[in-house]
Amino acid sequence: MEYPGVFCTEHLIYLAVSLLLTFFSLWALRRFVTDKKKERTILRAAGIILLICISVNRVSVTAAQIREDPAVYGWINLIPYTFCGFASLATAIAAIFGRDDNPAYHFLVWFGLAGGAASVIYPDFLFEQTFWDLRSFSGLVHHSVLLWICLFILITGRIRPVMKKYFFYPAGFALMMLLGFFEIYVLGFPSAMNIDSPLLSSLPVLTSWYSLFILTSLLVLAVYLVCGSLSAKRRASADNV
């Protein structure tokens, strides 16, 4: 059976609609919703939607795996074992229950921003599944909602990138990889967190998990250094007034 692949007609339509909805909804919320309590309610609601989306995705993916290879897969595989699966579940929980600028945001916002955008633009699972397969469609939707939440947290100032909080990013990445090793070597998962294979086979070095750790950590470090410098300049200007 031939699968549509990335940039098929359905994917391009979805991509255009998703990006337009993301842009205009965030613009409208930023323009017309200025009350912090209302923003918090919106974030919690988005977190609940993301939790539903990732749950549907995990159930549909796991059910298909059990049908295809019941000797290897079981319902224990509902536990997320991919980067974005983990990020979506953790972000949903943080959005629903977490406070502003909580430590989890300093990992999840940056990792989810990159992962959500990359997966919506280049959903490589379309090389293995049809667009309307529940696994594919729910995968696209949970990545879109993940991206939306990360952008919402950033534009509403619910995270403050200061250098003393930078270490939460590498710490969060390390915890995610620790879960991956636990899933493989304790729970017996065939694979997890791309520990045994690169994210993209066409870029095996750049998309290995350790390369992603180094590259993303350096990029986030640059963001925190720039934000810290700008904050210091603003404080200096305020003191001189």
Protein backbone atom coordinates (compact mmCIF):
# COMPACT_ATOMS: atom_id res chain seq x y z
CA MET A 1 0.00 0.00 0.00
CA GLU A 2 1.26 3.49 -0.88
CA TYR A 3 1.11 6.14 1.79
CA PRO A 4 0.73 9.87 1.03
CA GLY A 5 3.97 11.05 2.63
CA VAL A 6 4.84 14.51 3.86
CA PHE A 7 3.42 17.50 1.92
CA CYS A 8 0.56 15.50 0.44
CA THR A 9 -2.57 17.55 -0.35
CA GLU A 10 -4.23 16.77 2.98
CA HIS A 11 -1.09 17.66 4.93
CA LEU A 12 -0.62 20.97 3.12
CA ILE A 13 -4.26 21.94 3.77
CA TYR A 14 -3.92 20.94 7.42
CA LEU A 15 -0.65 22.85 7.75
CA ALA A 16 -2.15 26.05 6.28
CA VAL A 17 -5.30 25.87 8.43
CA SER A 18 -3.35 24.98 11.57
CA LEU A 19 -0.87 27.83 11.21
CA LEU A 20 -3.59 30.36 10.41
CA LEU A 21 -5.70 29.29 13.39
CA THR A 22 -2.65 29.42 15.65
CA PHE A 23 -1.64 32.90 14.50
CA PHE A 24 -5.09 34.51 14.61
CA SER A 25 -6.20 32.87 17.85
CA LEU A 26 -3.02 33.93 19.66
CA TRP A 27 -3.28 37.43 18.18
CA ALA A 28 -6.91 37.75 19.29
CA LEU A 29 -6.20 36.47 22.78
CA ARG A 30 -3.21 38.79 23.16
CA ARG A 31 -5.26 41.71 21.83
CA PHE A 32 -8.50 41.23 23.75
CA VAL A 33 -7.69 39.13 26.83
CA THR A 34 -5.58 41.10 29.29
CA ASP A 35 -6.77 39.64 32.59
CA LYS A 36 -4.23 37.20 34.03
CA LYS A 37 -6.92 35.01 35.59
CA LYS A 38 -8.65 34.62 32.23
CA GLU A 39 -5.31 33.80 30.61
CA ARG A 40 -4.75 31.14 33.25
CA THR A 41 -8.18 29.64 32.57
CA ILE A 42 -7.45 29.55 28.84
CA LEU A 43 -4.12 27.84 29.47
CA ARG A 44 -5.77 25.22 31.69
CA ALA A 45 -8.44 24.58 29.06
CA ALA A 46 -5.74 24.18 26.39
CA GLY A 47 -3.90 21.78 28.70
CA ILE A 48 -7.04 19.64 29.07
CA ILE A 49 -7.48 19.60 25.27
CA LEU A 50 -3.85 18.55 24.84
CA LEU A 51 -4.27 15.81 27.45
CA ILE A 52 -7.27 14.45 25.53
CA CYS A 53 -5.39 14.64 22.21
CA ILE A 54 -2.28 12.86 23.44
CA SER A 55 -4.42 10.23 25.19
CA VAL A 56 -6.31 9.49 21.96
CA ASN A 57 -3.02 9.30 20.09
CA ARG A 58 -1.39 6.95 22.60
CA VAL A 59 -4.42 4.62 22.69
CA SER A 60 -4.70 4.48 18.88
CA VAL A 61 -0.96 3.90 18.40
CA THR A 62 -0.73 1.26 21.15
CA ALA A 63 -3.84 -0.60 19.94
CA ALA A 64 -2.38 -0.79 16.43
CA GLN A 65 0.96 -2.06 17.76
CA ILE A 66 -0.74 -4.77 19.82
CA ARG A 67 -2.71 -5.92 16.77
CA GLU A 68 0.43 -6.04 14.64
CA ASP A 69 2.79 -7.66 17.17
CA PRO A 70 1.11 -8.80 20.41
CA ALA A 71 4.23 -10.71 21.47
CA VAL A 72 6.21 -7.47 21.70
CA TYR A 73 3.66 -4.78 22.57
CA GLY A 74 1.13 -4.49 25.38
CA TRP A 75 -0.90 -1.76 27.06
CA ILE A 76 2.18 -0.81 29.09
CA ASN A 77 3.29 0.86 25.85
CA LEU A 78 0.69 3.57 26.49
CA ILE A 79 3.49 5.28 28.40
CA PRO A 80 4.93 7.85 25.96
CA TYR A 81 8.28 6.73 24.53
CA THR A 82 8.81 9.41 21.87
CA PHE A 83 10.14 12.92 22.36
CA CYS A 84 6.90 14.67 21.44
CA GLY A 85 4.69 12.12 23.16
CA PHE A 86 6.53 12.80 26.41
CA ALA A 87 6.55 16.56 25.80
CA SER A 88 2.82 16.70 25.07
CA LEU A 89 1.83 14.70 28.14
CA ALA A 90 4.16 16.65 30.45
CA THR A 91 3.13 20.01 28.97
CA ALA A 92 -0.56 19.17 29.37
CA ILE A 93 -0.04 18.35 33.06
CA ALA A 94 2.11 21.46 33.61
CA ALA A 95 -0.45 23.70 31.89
CA ILE A 96 -3.32 22.31 33.97
CA PHE A 97 -1.65 22.21 37.37
CA GLY A 98 1.59 24.24 37.17
CA ARG A 99 2.19 27.79 38.27
CA ASP A 100 3.64 30.52 36.08
CA ASP A 101 7.38 30.21 35.46
CA ASN A 102 7.48 26.77 37.06
CA PRO A 103 10.69 24.75 36.49
CA ALA A 104 9.03 22.38 33.99
CA TYR A 105 8.31 25.26 31.60
CA HIS A 106 12.03 25.98 31.23
CA PHE A 107 12.41 22.63 29.50
CA LEU A 108 8.99 21.92 28.02
CA VAL A 109 8.33 25.28 26.37
CA TRP A 110 11.56 25.27 24.35
CA PHE A 111 11.56 21.56 23.57
CA GLY A 112 7.85 21.56 22.76
CA LEU A 113 8.19 24.63 20.57
CA ALA A 114 10.85 22.98 18.42
CA GLY A 115 9.28 19.52 18.42
CA GLY A 116 5.74 20.75 17.81
CA ALA A 117 6.75 22.95 14.89
CA ALA A 118 9.00 20.30 13.32
CA SER A 119 6.37 17.58 13.54
CA VAL A 120 3.55 19.71 12.15
CA ILE A 121 5.72 20.81 9.23
CA TYR A 122 7.37 17.41 8.63
CA PRO A 123 5.21 14.57 10.03
CA ASP A 124 7.32 11.63 8.90
CA PHE A 125 4.70 9.15 10.14
CA LEU A 126 2.75 9.96 6.94
CA PHE A 127 5.26 7.76 5.13
CA GLU A 128 3.84 4.81 7.09
CA GLN A 129 0.17 5.72 7.63
CA THR A 130 -2.64 7.45 5.76
CA PHE A 131 -3.48 11.03 6.70
CA TRP A 132 -6.92 10.04 8.05
CA ASP A 133 -5.61 7.15 10.12
CA LEU A 134 -6.48 8.06 13.71
CA ARG A 135 -2.80 7.68 14.64
CA SER A 136 -1.76 10.22 12.01
CA PHE A 137 -4.54 12.74 12.55
CA SER A 138 -4.36 12.66 16.35
CA GLY A 139 -0.57 12.94 16.05
CA LEU A 140 -0.84 16.09 13.97
CA VAL A 141 -3.43 17.60 16.30
CA HIS A 142 -1.52 16.97 19.53
CA HIS A 143 1.63 18.48 17.99
CA SER A 144 -0.39 21.53 16.90
CA VAL A 145 -1.89 22.01 20.36
CA LEU A 146 1.54 21.52 21.95
CA LEU A 147 2.96 24.25 19.71
CA TRP A 148 0.01 26.55 20.51
CA ILE A 149 0.46 26.16 24.28
CA CYS A 150 4.21 26.81 24.12
CA LEU A 151 3.64 29.99 22.09
CA PHE A 152 0.84 31.09 24.45
CA ILE A 153 3.12 30.67 27.47
CA LEU A 154 5.80 32.75 25.77
CA ILE A 155 3.63 35.63 24.50
CA THR A 156 1.78 35.97 27.82
CA GLY A 157 5.05 36.14 29.74
CA ARG A 158 4.41 33.04 31.83
CA ILE A 159 8.09 32.10 31.65
CA ARG A 160 11.03 34.33 32.52
CA PRO A 161 14.29 33.19 30.86
CA VAL A 162 16.98 34.09 33.40
CA MET A 163 20.33 32.34 33.59
CA LYS A 164 19.79 30.90 37.06
CA LYS A 165 16.89 28.88 35.61
CA TYR A 166 18.67 27.71 32.47
CA PHE A 167 19.84 24.45 34.06
CA PHE A 168 16.21 23.27 34.13
CA TYR A 169 16.49 22.69 30.36
CA PRO A 170 19.38 20.17 30.41
CA ALA A 171 17.94 18.65 33.60
CA GLY A 172 14.56 18.16 31.90
CA PHE A 173 16.21 16.62 28.84
CA ALA A 174 18.20 14.27 31.07
CA LEU A 175 15.05 13.14 32.91
CA MET A 176 13.32 12.47 29.57
CA MET A 177 16.24 10.32 28.42
CA LEU A 178 16.34 8.54 31.78
CA LEU A 179 12.70 7.56 31.18
CA GLY A 180 13.72 6.26 27.74
CA PHE A 181 16.48 4.06 29.17
CA PHE A 182 14.06 2.81 31.85
CA GLU A 183 11.48 1.92 29.20
CA ILE A 184 14.01 -0.05 27.14
CA TYR A 185 16.04 -1.81 29.81
CA VAL A 186 13.44 -2.27 32.57
CA LEU A 187 10.04 -2.29 30.86
CA GLY A 188 11.33 -4.03 27.73
CA PHE A 189 10.17 -1.50 25.11
CA PRO A 190 11.66 -2.21 21.65
CA SER A 191 12.75 1.44 21.40
CA ALA A 192 12.34 4.71 23.23
CA MET A 193 13.38 8.37 22.89
CA ASN A 194 15.41 7.55 19.76
CA ILE A 195 18.11 6.02 21.92
CA ASP A 196 18.73 3.26 19.41
CA SER A 197 18.12 5.24 16.21
CA PRO A 198 18.32 8.84 14.96
CA LEU A 199 15.21 10.96 14.66
CA LEU A 200 15.70 11.16 10.87
CA SER A 201 17.58 8.36 9.11
CA SER A 202 18.70 10.82 6.43
CA LEU A 203 20.47 12.88 9.12
CA PRO A 204 21.81 10.19 11.47
CA VAL A 205 24.45 12.30 13.20
CA LEU A 206 22.54 15.55 13.59
CA THR A 207 19.37 13.86 14.84
CA SER A 208 20.82 11.37 17.31
CA TRP A 209 19.57 12.01 20.84
CA TYR A 210 22.94 13.22 22.11
CA SER A 211 23.34 15.62 19.17
CA LEU A 212 19.84 16.98 19.83
CA PHE A 213 20.77 17.43 23.49
CA ILE A 214 23.90 19.41 22.64
CA LEU A 215 22.34 21.51 19.86
CA THR A 216 19.13 22.39 21.70
CA SER A 217 20.96 23.08 24.96
CA LEU A 218 23.27 25.52 23.17
CA LEU A 219 20.35 27.24 21.42
CA VAL A 220 18.41 27.62 24.65
CA LEU A 221 21.57 28.86 26.38
CA ALA A 222 21.89 31.55 23.69
CA VAL A 223 18.26 32.58 24.29
CA TYR A 224 18.81 32.85 28.05
CA LEU A 225 22.03 34.83 27.60
CA VAL A 226 20.31 37.30 25.26
CA CYS A 227 17.26 37.62 27.51
CA GLY A 228 19.49 38.06 30.56
CA SER A 229 21.48 40.77 28.79
CA LEU A 230 18.30 42.62 27.75
CA SER A 231 16.92 42.41 31.30
CA ALA A 232 20.16 43.80 32.70
CA LYS A 233 20.04 46.72 30.24
CA ARG A 234 16.43 47.48 31.16
CA ARG A 235 17.29 47.50 34.86
CA ALA A 236 20.27 49.76 34.22
CA SER A 237 18.09 52.18 32.22
CA ALA A 238 15.46 52.21 34.97
CA ASP A 239 18.11 52.96 37.60
CA ASN A 240 19.39 55.89 35.55
CA VAL A 241 15.98 57.50 35.21
